[in-house]
Every structure is written in structure tokens, then in C-alpha cells.
Amino acid sequence: MVGLLWGLIVLLVVLWLIGFLIVHVAGPAIHLLLIIALILLVWNLLFPRRAV
């Protein structure tokens, strides 16, 4: 589950970078993706999942 969460964080950050550097059409939506990625990152760092 943690690998999936980190994969989602990386995907959202990459999409944000692509949108920020290449496509300047949907600026607010792309920054929303970055905010979601940062929230997931902080959540994962504060509340790590325990391996079962």
C-alpha cells in the first residue's frame, strides 16, 4: 500500500511539472494536483502504514 501511495505522489508531481513547464492552459488544476501530492506526502510521513 505504501508503494502505491508513493507512486501516486510521484505521478502527481510529474504531472504538475509537465503542466507547469510545458502546458500553461490549466494552471489552477495543475497546482491542485501538487497540493494533493504534498498532502499525501505529509500524511504518509506522519502516519506510516505498518507492515503486516
Protein backbone atom coordinates (compact mmCIF):
# COMPACT_ATOMS: atom_id res chain seq x y z
CA MET A 1 0.00 0.00 0.00
CA VAL A 2 2.86 2.38 0.80
CA GLY A 3 4.42 1.74 -2.62
CA LEU A 4 1.14 2.63 -4.26
CA LEU A 5 0.92 5.85 -2.27
CA TRP A 6 4.48 6.87 -3.20
CA GLY A 7 3.75 6.01 -6.83
CA LEU A 8 0.71 8.28 -6.74
CA ILE A 9 2.76 11.08 -5.18
CA VAL A 10 5.44 10.77 -7.87
CA LEU A 11 2.81 10.65 -10.62
CA LEU A 12 1.09 13.79 -9.36
CA VAL A 13 4.37 15.69 -9.05
CA VAL A 14 5.45 14.63 -12.55
CA LEU A 15 2.09 15.68 -13.99
CA TRP A 16 2.40 19.00 -12.20
CA LEU A 17 5.91 19.57 -13.58
CA ILE A 18 4.77 18.71 -17.11
CA GLY A 19 1.83 21.04 -16.80
CA PHE A 20 3.87 23.81 -15.21
CA LEU A 21 6.75 23.68 -17.67
CA ILE A 22 5.02 22.72 -20.94
CA VAL A 23 1.28 23.25 -20.85
CA HIS A 24 0.16 26.52 -19.25
CA VAL A 25 -3.54 26.01 -20.01
CA ALA A 26 -4.95 24.53 -16.81
CA GLY A 27 -2.78 26.26 -14.22
CA PRO A 28 -5.11 26.07 -11.22
CA ALA A 29 -5.92 22.40 -11.80
CA ILE A 30 -2.23 21.50 -12.07
CA HIS A 31 -1.40 23.32 -8.85
CA LEU A 32 -4.28 21.47 -7.20
CA LEU A 33 -2.53 18.23 -8.19
CA LEU A 34 0.63 19.46 -6.49
CA ILE A 35 -1.28 20.31 -3.33
CA ILE A 36 -2.85 16.83 -3.31
CA ALA A 37 0.58 15.24 -3.78
CA LEU A 38 2.03 17.28 -0.90
CA ILE A 39 -0.89 16.38 1.37
CA LEU A 40 -0.39 12.69 0.58
CA LEU A 41 3.34 13.00 1.22
CA VAL A 42 2.83 14.66 4.61
CA TRP A 43 0.11 12.17 5.53
CA ASN A 44 2.40 9.27 4.67
CA LEU A 45 5.28 10.73 6.67
CA LEU A 46 3.14 11.46 9.73
CA PHE A 47 1.09 8.25 9.69
CA PRO A 48 3.20 5.48 8.15
CA ARG A 49 1.49 2.18 7.48
CA ARG A 50 2.78 -0.79 9.44
CA ALA A 51 3.84 -3.88 7.53
CA VAL A 52 1.60 -6.81 8.37
